[in-house]
């Protein structure tokens, strides 16, 4: 998020929750948990939720491939049209490409996102995912779980749980999009 966007939303940085090295160590741990829970990577596919979930899924896939010595199929979901809060997102949502270049049917799919909050993004991602086939199992992997669920959604793999208030926002910055690598706790100013 740019400085202009922070000003427009009236946000101020409250704390840095994770540095680049902490993000890297967390992803390494998540990779080992994914491999262990799934007895390897033979039937695994990773699907990143746009935007930051895509880059996290790519990183996780590369790490799993290095450990398991097998390529991991990667997909990308754009969930914009599946959201139930579309009217609150603006007048004309920009729909980007969903890329699912492998069959998800019969596979264990790990949905990857940066932050789990209300559960609405995950619900929308499941709707979008099932348009592409019938996976054997779907697991959710998130870098940050900040609580405040509105839907009964829980992540299988969690990098870090962070208790937040409704006034706080978690901002994940990744080098691929933001030219920075950190997780910030932002607060809405009065």
N, C-alpha and C. Protein backbone atom coordinates (compact mmCIF):
# COMPACT_ATOMS: atom_id res chain seq x y z
N UNK A 1 0.86 -1.17 0.00
CA UNK A 1 0.00 0.00 0.00
C UNK A 1 0.90 1.23 0.00
N UNK A 2 0.59 2.16 -0.85
CA UNK A 2 1.41 3.36 -0.96
C UNK A 2 1.13 4.33 0.18
N UNK A 3 2.03 5.29 0.33
CA UNK A 3 1.84 6.31 1.36
C UNK A 3 0.56 7.10 1.10
N UNK A 4 0.27 7.34 -0.21
CA UNK A 4 -0.96 8.05 -0.56
C UNK A 4 -2.19 7.26 -0.12
N UNK A 5 -2.14 5.94 -0.34
CA UNK A 5 -3.26 5.09 0.06
C UNK A 5 -3.43 5.10 1.58
N UNK A 6 -2.31 5.08 2.30
CA UNK A 6 -2.38 5.17 3.76
C UNK A 6 -3.08 6.44 4.20
N UNK A 7 -2.70 7.55 3.57
CA UNK A 7 -3.29 8.84 3.92
C UNK A 7 -4.78 8.85 3.59
N UNK A 8 -5.10 8.32 2.40
CA UNK A 8 -6.50 8.31 1.96
C UNK A 8 -7.37 7.48 2.91
N UNK A 9 -6.84 6.35 3.37
CA UNK A 9 -7.59 5.50 4.29
C UNK A 9 -7.40 5.94 5.74
N UNK A 10 -6.54 6.94 5.94
CA UNK A 10 -6.26 7.45 7.28
C UNK A 10 -5.69 6.36 8.19
N UNK A 11 -4.63 5.70 7.69
CA UNK A 11 -3.97 4.63 8.43
C UNK A 11 -2.62 5.09 8.95
N UNK A 12 -2.25 4.57 10.09
CA UNK A 12 -0.90 4.81 10.60
C UNK A 12 -0.31 3.48 11.02
N UNK A 13 0.99 3.36 10.87
CA UNK A 13 1.66 2.12 11.25
C UNK A 13 1.74 2.02 12.76
N UNK A 14 1.29 0.91 13.29
CA UNK A 14 1.30 0.68 14.73
C UNK A 14 2.50 -0.19 15.12
N UNK A 15 2.80 -1.20 14.29
CA UNK A 15 3.92 -2.10 14.60
C UNK A 15 4.31 -2.90 13.36
N UNK A 16 5.56 -3.32 13.34
CA UNK A 16 5.98 -4.30 12.33
C UNK A 16 5.89 -5.66 12.99
N UNK A 17 5.10 -6.56 12.39
CA UNK A 17 4.87 -7.89 12.97
C UNK A 17 5.89 -8.91 12.48
N UNK A 18 6.33 -8.76 11.22
CA UNK A 18 7.28 -9.71 10.66
C UNK A 18 8.25 -8.99 9.72
N UNK A 19 9.51 -9.39 9.80
CA UNK A 19 10.52 -8.89 8.88
C UNK A 19 10.62 -9.87 7.70
N UNK A 20 11.46 -9.54 6.73
CA UNK A 20 11.66 -10.43 5.58
C UNK A 20 12.16 -11.80 6.03
N UNK A 21 13.12 -11.83 6.95
CA UNK A 21 13.65 -13.12 7.41
C UNK A 21 12.60 -13.91 8.19
N UNK A 22 11.75 -13.23 8.94
CA UNK A 22 10.68 -13.93 9.67
C UNK A 22 9.64 -14.50 8.69
N UNK A 23 9.35 -13.77 7.62
CA UNK A 23 8.43 -14.30 6.60
C UNK A 23 9.04 -15.55 5.97
N UNK A 24 10.32 -15.49 5.63
CA UNK A 24 11.00 -16.63 5.01
C UNK A 24 10.98 -17.85 5.93
N UNK A 25 11.33 -17.67 7.19
CA UNK A 25 11.32 -18.79 8.15
C UNK A 25 9.92 -19.36 8.31
N UNK A 26 8.92 -18.50 8.33
CA UNK A 26 7.53 -18.95 8.46
C UNK A 26 7.12 -19.77 7.25
N UNK A 27 7.49 -19.34 6.06
CA UNK A 27 7.15 -20.10 4.86
C UNK A 27 7.84 -21.46 4.86
N UNK A 28 9.09 -21.52 5.31
CA UNK A 28 9.81 -22.79 5.41
C UNK A 28 9.06 -23.74 6.35
N UNK A 29 8.63 -23.22 7.49
CA UNK A 29 7.87 -24.06 8.45
C UNK A 29 6.56 -24.54 7.82
N UNK A 30 5.85 -23.63 7.14
CA UNK A 30 4.58 -24.00 6.51
C UNK A 30 4.80 -25.09 5.45
N UNK A 31 5.87 -25.00 4.69
CA UNK A 31 6.18 -26.01 3.68
C UNK A 31 6.34 -27.38 4.34
N UNK A 32 7.09 -27.42 5.42
CA UNK A 32 7.29 -28.71 6.11
C UNK A 32 5.97 -29.24 6.68
N UNK A 33 5.12 -28.37 7.20
CA UNK A 33 3.82 -28.81 7.69
C UNK A 33 2.96 -29.36 6.55
N UNK A 34 2.96 -28.68 5.41
CA UNK A 34 2.17 -29.13 4.26
C UNK A 34 2.64 -30.50 3.79
N UNK A 35 3.95 -30.67 3.66
CA UNK A 35 4.50 -31.95 3.22
C UNK A 35 4.17 -33.05 4.22
N UNK A 36 4.34 -32.76 5.50
CA UNK A 36 4.09 -33.76 6.54
C UNK A 36 2.63 -34.17 6.58
N UNK A 37 1.72 -33.20 6.58
CA UNK A 37 0.29 -33.51 6.68
C UNK A 37 -0.22 -34.27 5.46
N UNK A 38 0.44 -34.09 4.31
CA UNK A 38 -0.03 -34.71 3.08
C UNK A 38 0.85 -35.89 2.64
N UNK A 39 1.72 -36.37 3.54
CA UNK A 39 2.60 -37.50 3.23
C UNK A 39 3.35 -37.29 1.92
N UNK A 40 3.93 -36.12 1.77
CA UNK A 40 4.68 -35.80 0.56
C UNK A 40 3.88 -34.86 -0.32
N UNK A 41 4.25 -34.82 -1.60
CA UNK A 41 3.64 -33.84 -2.50
C UNK A 41 3.08 -34.47 -3.76
N UNK A 42 2.96 -35.81 -3.79
CA UNK A 42 2.57 -36.50 -5.02
C UNK A 42 1.23 -36.03 -5.57
N UNK A 43 0.24 -35.82 -4.73
CA UNK A 43 -1.10 -35.45 -5.20
C UNK A 43 -1.46 -34.01 -4.85
N UNK A 44 -0.43 -33.18 -4.69
CA UNK A 44 -0.63 -31.82 -4.20
C UNK A 44 -0.70 -30.82 -5.35
N UNK A 45 -1.55 -29.82 -5.18
CA UNK A 45 -1.59 -28.67 -6.07
C UNK A 45 -1.76 -27.42 -5.22
N UNK A 46 -1.09 -26.34 -5.58
CA UNK A 46 -1.21 -25.08 -4.85
C UNK A 46 -1.97 -24.08 -5.70
N UNK A 47 -2.90 -23.37 -5.07
CA UNK A 47 -3.69 -22.37 -5.78
C UNK A 47 -3.64 -21.09 -4.95
N UNK A 48 -3.07 -20.05 -5.54
CA UNK A 48 -2.96 -18.76 -4.87
C UNK A 48 -4.16 -17.88 -5.17
N UNK A 49 -4.65 -17.19 -4.14
CA UNK A 49 -5.76 -16.25 -4.29
C UNK A 49 -5.15 -14.89 -4.60
N UNK A 50 -5.60 -14.28 -5.70
CA UNK A 50 -5.06 -12.97 -6.08
C UNK A 50 -5.27 -11.96 -4.97
N UNK A 51 -4.32 -11.19 -4.63
CA UNK A 51 -3.08 -10.93 -5.30
C UNK A 51 -1.93 -11.57 -4.56
N UNK A 52 -1.76 -11.28 -3.30
CA UNK A 52 -0.55 -11.74 -2.61
C UNK A 52 -0.51 -13.24 -2.39
N UNK A 53 -1.65 -13.89 -2.36
CA UNK A 53 -1.67 -15.34 -2.23
C UNK A 53 -0.98 -16.04 -3.39
N UNK A 54 -1.01 -15.42 -4.56
CA UNK A 54 -0.37 -16.00 -5.74
C UNK A 54 1.15 -16.07 -5.53
N UNK A 55 1.73 -14.99 -5.06
CA UNK A 55 3.19 -14.96 -4.86
C UNK A 55 3.61 -15.88 -3.71
N UNK A 56 2.79 -15.95 -2.68
CA UNK A 56 3.09 -16.87 -1.58
C UNK A 56 3.01 -18.31 -2.08
N UNK A 57 2.00 -18.63 -2.89
CA UNK A 57 1.87 -19.99 -3.44
C UNK A 57 3.07 -20.33 -4.31
N UNK A 58 3.54 -19.39 -5.11
CA UNK A 58 4.72 -19.63 -5.95
C UNK A 58 5.93 -19.95 -5.10
N UNK A 59 6.12 -19.18 -4.04
CA UNK A 59 7.27 -19.42 -3.15
C UNK A 59 7.16 -20.79 -2.47
N UNK A 60 5.96 -21.09 -1.95
CA UNK A 60 5.76 -22.39 -1.29
C UNK A 60 6.01 -23.52 -2.28
N UNK A 61 5.51 -23.37 -3.50
CA UNK A 61 5.69 -24.41 -4.53
C UNK A 61 7.15 -24.66 -4.84
N UNK A 62 7.93 -23.58 -4.96
CA UNK A 62 9.36 -23.73 -5.24
C UNK A 62 10.06 -24.45 -4.09
N UNK A 63 9.70 -24.11 -2.85
CA UNK A 63 10.32 -24.76 -1.70
C UNK A 63 9.95 -26.24 -1.63
N UNK A 64 8.68 -26.55 -1.85
CA UNK A 64 8.24 -27.95 -1.83
C UNK A 64 8.96 -28.73 -2.92
N UNK A 65 9.08 -28.14 -4.10
CA UNK A 65 9.75 -28.81 -5.21
C UNK A 65 11.21 -29.11 -4.87
N UNK A 66 11.89 -28.18 -4.21
CA UNK A 66 13.29 -28.42 -3.81
C UNK A 66 13.39 -29.59 -2.84
N UNK A 67 12.44 -29.69 -1.91
CA UNK A 67 12.49 -30.74 -0.89
C UNK A 67 12.04 -32.08 -1.47
N UNK A 68 10.94 -32.09 -2.19
CA UNK A 68 10.33 -33.33 -2.67
C UNK A 68 10.84 -33.78 -4.04
N UNK A 69 11.59 -32.92 -4.70
CA UNK A 69 12.15 -33.23 -6.03
C UNK A 69 11.08 -33.59 -7.05
N UNK A 70 9.95 -32.91 -6.95
CA UNK A 70 8.86 -33.11 -7.90
C UNK A 70 8.19 -31.76 -8.15
N UNK A 71 7.84 -31.48 -9.40
CA UNK A 71 7.18 -30.20 -9.67
C UNK A 71 5.79 -30.15 -9.04
N UNK A 72 5.44 -28.99 -8.52
CA UNK A 72 4.14 -28.79 -7.88
C UNK A 72 3.28 -27.93 -8.80
N UNK A 73 2.12 -28.45 -9.22
CA UNK A 73 1.25 -27.63 -10.07
C UNK A 73 0.74 -26.40 -9.31
N UNK A 74 0.74 -25.26 -10.01
CA UNK A 74 0.30 -24.01 -9.41
C UNK A 74 -0.86 -23.43 -10.21
N UNK A 75 -1.83 -22.88 -9.47
CA UNK A 75 -2.94 -22.20 -10.11
C UNK A 75 -3.15 -20.85 -9.45
N UNK A 76 -3.94 -20.03 -10.12
CA UNK A 76 -4.25 -18.68 -9.64
C UNK A 76 -5.75 -18.48 -9.71
N UNK A 77 -6.34 -17.97 -8.65
CA UNK A 77 -7.77 -17.67 -8.64
C UNK A 77 -8.00 -16.18 -8.50
N UNK A 78 -8.87 -15.66 -9.35
CA UNK A 78 -9.39 -14.32 -9.14
C UNK A 78 -10.81 -14.51 -8.63
N UNK A 79 -11.07 -14.05 -7.44
CA UNK A 79 -12.37 -14.32 -6.80
C UNK A 79 -13.31 -13.13 -6.83
N UNK A 80 -12.93 -12.08 -7.54
CA UNK A 80 -13.70 -10.83 -7.51
C UNK A 80 -15.19 -11.05 -7.72
N UNK A 81 -15.56 -11.82 -8.74
CA UNK A 81 -16.99 -12.00 -9.05
C UNK A 81 -17.69 -12.99 -8.14
N UNK A 82 -16.95 -13.66 -7.28
CA UNK A 82 -17.56 -14.62 -6.37
C UNK A 82 -17.81 -14.05 -4.99
N UNK A 83 -17.38 -12.81 -4.77
CA UNK A 83 -17.52 -12.22 -3.44
C UNK A 83 -18.97 -11.84 -3.18
N UNK A 84 -19.41 -12.04 -1.95
CA UNK A 84 -20.78 -11.67 -1.59
C UNK A 84 -20.88 -10.23 -1.12
N UNK A 85 -19.72 -9.54 -1.03
CA UNK A 85 -19.72 -8.14 -0.62
C UNK A 85 -19.30 -7.24 -1.78
N UNK A 86 -19.60 -7.68 -3.00
CA UNK A 86 -19.18 -6.97 -4.21
C UNK A 86 -19.61 -5.52 -4.21
N UNK A 87 -20.81 -5.25 -3.71
CA UNK A 87 -21.31 -3.87 -3.75
C UNK A 87 -20.48 -2.93 -2.88
N UNK A 88 -19.78 -3.47 -1.91
CA UNK A 88 -18.96 -2.62 -1.03
C UNK A 88 -17.56 -2.42 -1.59
N UNK A 89 -17.21 -3.15 -2.66
CA UNK A 89 -15.85 -3.07 -3.18
C UNK A 89 -15.66 -1.96 -4.20
N UNK A 90 -16.73 -1.33 -4.62
CA UNK A 90 -16.62 -0.28 -5.63
C UNK A 90 -17.59 -0.55 -6.75
N UNK A 91 -17.63 0.37 -7.71
CA UNK A 91 -18.63 0.26 -8.77
C UNK A 91 -18.32 -0.84 -9.77
N UNK A 92 -17.10 -0.87 -10.30
CA UNK A 92 -16.76 -1.83 -11.33
C UNK A 92 -15.51 -2.60 -10.91
N UNK A 93 -15.69 -3.80 -10.38
CA UNK A 93 -14.52 -4.57 -9.98
C UNK A 93 -13.69 -4.95 -11.20
N UNK A 94 -12.39 -4.95 -11.04
CA UNK A 94 -11.51 -5.35 -12.13
C UNK A 94 -11.26 -6.85 -11.97
N UNK A 95 -11.72 -7.60 -12.95
CA UNK A 95 -11.55 -9.05 -12.91
C UNK A 95 -10.27 -9.39 -13.64
N UNK A 96 -9.43 -10.14 -12.97
CA UNK A 96 -8.18 -10.57 -13.59
C UNK A 96 -8.29 -12.05 -13.91
N UNK A 97 -7.31 -12.54 -14.58
CA UNK A 97 -7.36 -13.89 -15.11
C UNK A 97 -7.19 -14.95 -14.01
N UNK A 98 -8.04 -15.97 -14.09
CA UNK A 98 -7.85 -17.16 -13.29
C UNK A 98 -7.07 -18.13 -14.15
N UNK A 99 -6.00 -18.67 -13.62
CA UNK A 99 -5.17 -19.59 -14.37
C UNK A 99 -5.12 -20.92 -13.63
N UNK A 100 -5.75 -21.93 -14.22
CA UNK A 100 -5.74 -23.26 -13.63
C UNK A 100 -5.28 -24.21 -14.74
N UNK A 101 -3.96 -24.32 -14.88
CA UNK A 101 -3.41 -25.09 -15.99
C UNK A 101 -3.17 -26.55 -15.63
N UNK A 102 -3.85 -27.02 -14.59
CA UNK A 102 -3.78 -28.44 -14.24
C UNK A 102 -5.14 -28.86 -13.73
N UNK A 103 -5.42 -30.15 -13.81
CA UNK A 103 -6.70 -30.65 -13.32
C UNK A 103 -6.65 -30.77 -11.80
N UNK A 104 -7.61 -30.15 -11.14
CA UNK A 104 -7.64 -30.22 -9.68
C UNK A 104 -8.40 -31.45 -9.20
N UNK A 105 -9.12 -32.11 -10.09
CA UNK A 105 -9.93 -33.26 -9.72
C UNK A 105 -9.07 -34.36 -9.12
N UNK A 106 -9.46 -34.81 -7.93
CA UNK A 106 -8.75 -35.89 -7.25
C UNK A 106 -7.50 -35.47 -6.51
N UNK A 107 -7.11 -34.22 -6.61
CA UNK A 107 -5.89 -33.74 -5.94
C UNK A 107 -6.22 -33.11 -4.59
N UNK A 108 -5.21 -33.02 -3.76
CA UNK A 108 -5.30 -32.21 -2.55
C UNK A 108 -4.86 -30.81 -2.94
N UNK A 109 -5.76 -29.86 -2.80
CA UNK A 109 -5.48 -28.48 -3.19
C UNK A 109 -5.24 -27.66 -1.93
N UNK A 110 -4.12 -26.96 -1.92
CA UNK A 110 -3.84 -26.03 -0.84
C UNK A 110 -4.11 -24.63 -1.39
N UNK A 111 -5.18 -24.01 -0.87
CA UNK A 111 -5.50 -22.61 -1.21
C UNK A 111 -4.59 -21.73 -0.38
N UNK A 112 -3.96 -20.75 -1.01
CA UNK A 112 -2.98 -19.90 -0.31
C UNK A 112 -3.45 -18.45 -0.36
N UNK A 113 -3.45 -17.81 0.81
CA UNK A 113 -3.79 -16.40 0.89
C UNK A 113 -2.87 -15.75 1.92
N UNK A 114 -2.81 -14.43 1.89
CA UNK A 114 -1.92 -13.75 2.83
C UNK A 114 -2.55 -13.60 4.21
N UNK A 115 -3.82 -13.15 4.27
CA UNK A 115 -4.46 -12.87 5.56
C UNK A 115 -5.85 -13.52 5.60
N UNK A 116 -6.14 -14.22 6.68
CA UNK A 116 -7.48 -14.74 6.93
C UNK A 116 -8.14 -13.82 7.94
N UNK A 117 -9.30 -13.29 7.55
CA UNK A 117 -10.00 -12.32 8.39
C UNK A 117 -11.43 -12.80 8.59
N UNK A 118 -12.37 -12.36 7.80
CA UNK A 118 -13.78 -12.71 8.00
C UNK A 118 -14.12 -14.11 7.49
N UNK A 119 -13.34 -14.61 6.52
CA UNK A 119 -13.63 -15.89 5.89
C UNK A 119 -14.32 -15.73 4.54
N UNK A 120 -14.71 -14.50 4.22
CA UNK A 120 -15.44 -14.27 2.96
C UNK A 120 -14.57 -14.52 1.72
N UNK A 121 -13.31 -14.14 1.78
CA UNK A 121 -12.41 -14.40 0.65
C UNK A 121 -12.27 -15.90 0.43
N UNK A 122 -12.12 -16.65 1.50
CA UNK A 122 -11.98 -18.10 1.39
C UNK A 122 -13.24 -18.73 0.82
N UNK A 123 -14.41 -18.28 1.28
CA UNK A 123 -15.67 -18.80 0.75
C UNK A 123 -15.76 -18.53 -0.75
N UNK A 124 -15.42 -17.32 -1.15
CA UNK A 124 -15.45 -16.97 -2.57
C UNK A 124 -14.45 -17.82 -3.36
N UNK A 125 -13.27 -18.04 -2.78
CA UNK A 125 -12.25 -18.86 -3.45
C UNK A 125 -12.73 -20.30 -3.64
N UNK A 126 -13.43 -20.84 -2.66
CA UNK A 126 -13.96 -22.20 -2.79
C UNK A 126 -14.99 -22.27 -3.92
N UNK A 127 -15.86 -21.26 -4.00
CA UNK A 127 -16.83 -21.21 -5.10
C UNK A 127 -16.11 -21.20 -6.44
N UNK A 128 -15.10 -20.35 -6.57
CA UNK A 128 -14.35 -20.25 -7.82
C UNK A 128 -13.59 -21.54 -8.11
N UNK A 129 -12.99 -22.12 -7.09
CA UNK A 129 -12.20 -23.34 -7.26
C UNK A 129 -13.05 -24.49 -7.79
N UNK A 130 -14.23 -24.68 -7.22
CA UNK A 130 -15.07 -25.82 -7.60
C UNK A 130 -15.65 -25.69 -9.00
N UNK A 131 -15.51 -24.54 -9.62
CA UNK A 131 -15.88 -24.40 -11.04
C UNK A 131 -14.87 -25.10 -11.94
N UNK A 132 -13.70 -25.43 -11.37
CA UNK A 132 -12.63 -26.06 -12.15
C UNK A 132 -12.51 -27.55 -11.92
N UNK A 133 -13.32 -28.12 -11.06
CA UNK A 133 -13.24 -29.55 -10.81
C UNK A 133 -13.55 -29.90 -9.37
N UNK A 134 -13.36 -31.16 -9.06
CA UNK A 134 -13.68 -31.68 -7.73
C UNK A 134 -12.43 -32.23 -7.07
N UNK A 135 -11.76 -31.41 -6.24
CA UNK A 135 -10.57 -31.91 -5.56
C UNK A 135 -10.92 -32.97 -4.52
N UNK A 136 -9.93 -33.80 -4.21
CA UNK A 136 -10.11 -34.80 -3.15
C UNK A 136 -10.24 -34.11 -1.80
N UNK A 137 -9.44 -33.04 -1.62
CA UNK A 137 -9.41 -32.31 -0.35
C UNK A 137 -8.96 -30.89 -0.63
N UNK A 138 -9.46 -29.96 0.16
CA UNK A 138 -9.00 -28.57 0.07
C UNK A 138 -8.52 -28.15 1.45
N UNK A 139 -7.31 -27.61 1.48
CA UNK A 139 -6.73 -27.11 2.71
C UNK A 139 -6.43 -25.63 2.51
N UNK A 140 -6.49 -24.87 3.57
CA UNK A 140 -6.22 -23.43 3.50
C UNK A 140 -4.91 -23.13 4.22
N UNK A 141 -4.04 -22.37 3.54
CA UNK A 141 -2.78 -21.94 4.11
C UNK A 141 -2.73 -20.42 4.07
N UNK A 142 -2.53 -19.80 5.23
CA UNK A 142 -2.46 -18.34 5.31
C UNK A 142 -1.21 -17.92 6.07
N UNK A 143 -0.66 -16.79 5.67
CA UNK A 143 0.50 -16.26 6.38
C UNK A 143 0.07 -15.71 7.74
N UNK A 144 -1.07 -14.99 7.77
CA UNK A 144 -1.56 -14.37 9.01
C UNK A 144 -3.04 -14.71 9.20
N UNK A 145 -3.40 -15.15 10.40
CA UNK A 145 -4.80 -15.32 10.79
C UNK A 145 -5.07 -14.26 11.84
N UNK A 146 -5.94 -13.30 11.50
CA UNK A 146 -6.18 -12.18 12.42
C UNK A 146 -7.50 -12.28 13.17
N UNK A 147 -8.22 -13.40 13.02
CA UNK A 147 -9.46 -13.56 13.77
C UNK A 147 -10.61 -12.80 13.16
N UNK A 148 -11.66 -12.59 13.93
CA UNK A 148 -12.87 -11.84 13.53
C UNK A 148 -13.67 -12.54 12.44
N UNK A 149 -13.79 -13.85 12.51
CA UNK A 149 -14.50 -14.61 11.49
C UNK A 149 -15.97 -14.28 11.46
N UNK A 150 -16.52 -14.15 10.26
CA UNK A 150 -17.95 -14.00 10.04
C UNK A 150 -18.54 -15.30 9.50
N UNK A 151 -17.67 -16.16 8.97
CA UNK A 151 -18.08 -17.45 8.42
C UNK A 151 -17.27 -18.55 9.11
N UNK A 152 -17.79 -19.77 9.13
CA UNK A 152 -17.07 -20.86 9.81
C UNK A 152 -15.92 -21.40 8.95
N UNK A 153 -14.85 -20.63 8.90
CA UNK A 153 -13.68 -20.97 8.09
C UNK A 153 -12.45 -20.98 9.00
N UNK A 154 -11.68 -22.05 8.92
CA UNK A 154 -10.43 -22.13 9.66
C UNK A 154 -9.33 -22.59 8.72
N UNK A 155 -8.13 -22.08 8.90
CA UNK A 155 -7.00 -22.48 8.07
C UNK A 155 -6.37 -23.76 8.60
N UNK A 156 -5.94 -24.61 7.68
CA UNK A 156 -5.21 -25.83 8.03
C UNK A 156 -3.79 -25.48 8.44
N UNK A 157 -3.20 -24.53 7.72
CA UNK A 157 -1.82 -24.12 7.96
C UNK A 157 -1.79 -22.61 8.19
N UNK A 158 -1.26 -22.20 9.35
CA UNK A 158 -1.23 -20.78 9.73
C UNK A 158 0.20 -20.38 10.05
N UNK A 159 0.66 -19.33 9.38
CA UNK A 159 1.99 -18.81 9.67
C UNK A 159 2.05 -18.19 11.05
N UNK A 160 1.12 -17.28 11.32
CA UNK A 160 1.08 -16.62 12.62
C UNK A 160 -0.34 -16.15 12.91
N UNK A 161 -0.78 -16.35 14.15
CA UNK A 161 -2.06 -15.80 14.60
C UNK A 161 -1.78 -14.46 15.27
N UNK A 162 -2.55 -13.45 14.87
CA UNK A 162 -2.38 -12.11 15.42
C UNK A 162 -3.75 -11.61 15.86
N UNK A 163 -3.89 -11.34 17.12
CA UNK A 163 -5.15 -10.80 17.62
C UNK A 163 -5.22 -9.32 17.25
N UNK A 164 -6.29 -8.94 16.59
CA UNK A 164 -6.44 -7.55 16.17
C UNK A 164 -7.78 -7.02 16.65
N UNK A 165 -7.88 -5.70 16.62
CA UNK A 165 -9.17 -5.07 16.88
C UNK A 165 -9.79 -4.76 15.52
N UNK A 166 -11.04 -4.34 15.52
CA UNK A 166 -11.72 -3.98 14.26
C UNK A 166 -11.08 -2.74 13.62
N UNK A 167 -10.40 -1.93 14.42
CA UNK A 167 -9.77 -0.70 13.90
C UNK A 167 -8.41 -0.98 13.26
N UNK A 168 -7.89 -2.18 13.46
CA UNK A 168 -6.56 -2.52 12.97
C UNK A 168 -6.65 -3.28 11.64
N UNK A 169 -5.62 -3.13 10.85
CA UNK A 169 -5.52 -3.78 9.55
C UNK A 169 -4.14 -4.42 9.46
N UNK A 170 -4.10 -5.63 8.93
CA UNK A 170 -2.82 -6.29 8.67
C UNK A 170 -2.43 -5.98 7.24
N UNK A 171 -1.24 -5.49 7.06
CA UNK A 171 -0.75 -5.20 5.71
C UNK A 171 0.47 -6.07 5.43
N UNK A 172 0.32 -6.97 4.47
CA UNK A 172 1.43 -7.83 4.03
C UNK A 172 2.06 -7.16 2.82
N UNK A 173 3.35 -6.94 2.89
CA UNK A 173 4.08 -6.38 1.76
C UNK A 173 5.06 -7.44 1.26
N UNK A 174 4.97 -7.72 -0.05
CA UNK A 174 5.84 -8.71 -0.67
C UNK A 174 6.67 -8.04 -1.75
N UNK A 175 7.91 -8.49 -1.88
CA UNK A 175 8.83 -7.84 -2.82
C UNK A 175 8.30 -7.86 -4.24
N UNK A 176 7.53 -8.88 -4.63
CA UNK A 176 7.02 -8.98 -5.99
C UNK A 176 6.05 -7.86 -6.34
N UNK A 177 5.31 -7.36 -5.36
CA UNK A 177 4.32 -6.31 -5.59
C UNK A 177 4.69 -4.96 -4.99
N UNK A 178 5.33 -5.00 -3.85
CA UNK A 178 5.48 -3.79 -3.04
C UNK A 178 6.92 -3.29 -2.92
N UNK A 179 7.88 -4.03 -3.49
CA UNK A 179 9.30 -3.69 -3.32
C UNK A 179 9.68 -3.60 -1.85
N UNK A 180 8.98 -4.36 -1.03
CA UNK A 180 9.28 -4.44 0.41
C UNK A 180 8.84 -5.82 0.86
N UNK A 181 9.37 -6.26 1.97
CA UNK A 181 9.07 -7.60 2.47
C UNK A 181 8.87 -7.51 3.98
N UNK A 182 7.59 -7.35 4.39
CA UNK A 182 7.31 -7.25 5.82
C UNK A 182 5.80 -7.35 6.04
N UNK A 183 5.44 -7.57 7.28
CA UNK A 183 4.04 -7.57 7.68
C UNK A 183 3.88 -6.48 8.73
N UNK A 184 2.93 -5.58 8.46
CA UNK A 184 2.71 -4.44 9.35
C UNK A 184 1.32 -4.51 9.99
N UNK A 185 1.24 -4.00 11.20
CA UNK A 185 -0.05 -3.78 11.85
C UNK A 185 -0.35 -2.30 11.71
N UNK A 186 -1.42 -2.00 11.00
CA UNK A 186 -1.82 -0.62 10.75
C UNK A 186 -3.07 -0.34 11.59
N UNK A 187 -3.26 0.93 11.92
CA UNK A 187 -4.44 1.30 12.68
C UNK A 187 -5.14 2.46 11.99
N UNK A 188 -6.47 2.38 11.96
CA UNK A 188 -7.26 3.48 11.42
C UNK A 188 -7.22 4.62 12.40
N UNK A 189 -6.80 5.78 11.93
CA UNK A 189 -6.75 6.96 12.79
C UNK A 189 -8.14 7.61 12.84
N UNK A 190 -8.38 8.36 13.89
CA UNK A 190 -9.69 9.03 14.01
C UNK A 190 -9.80 10.22 13.12
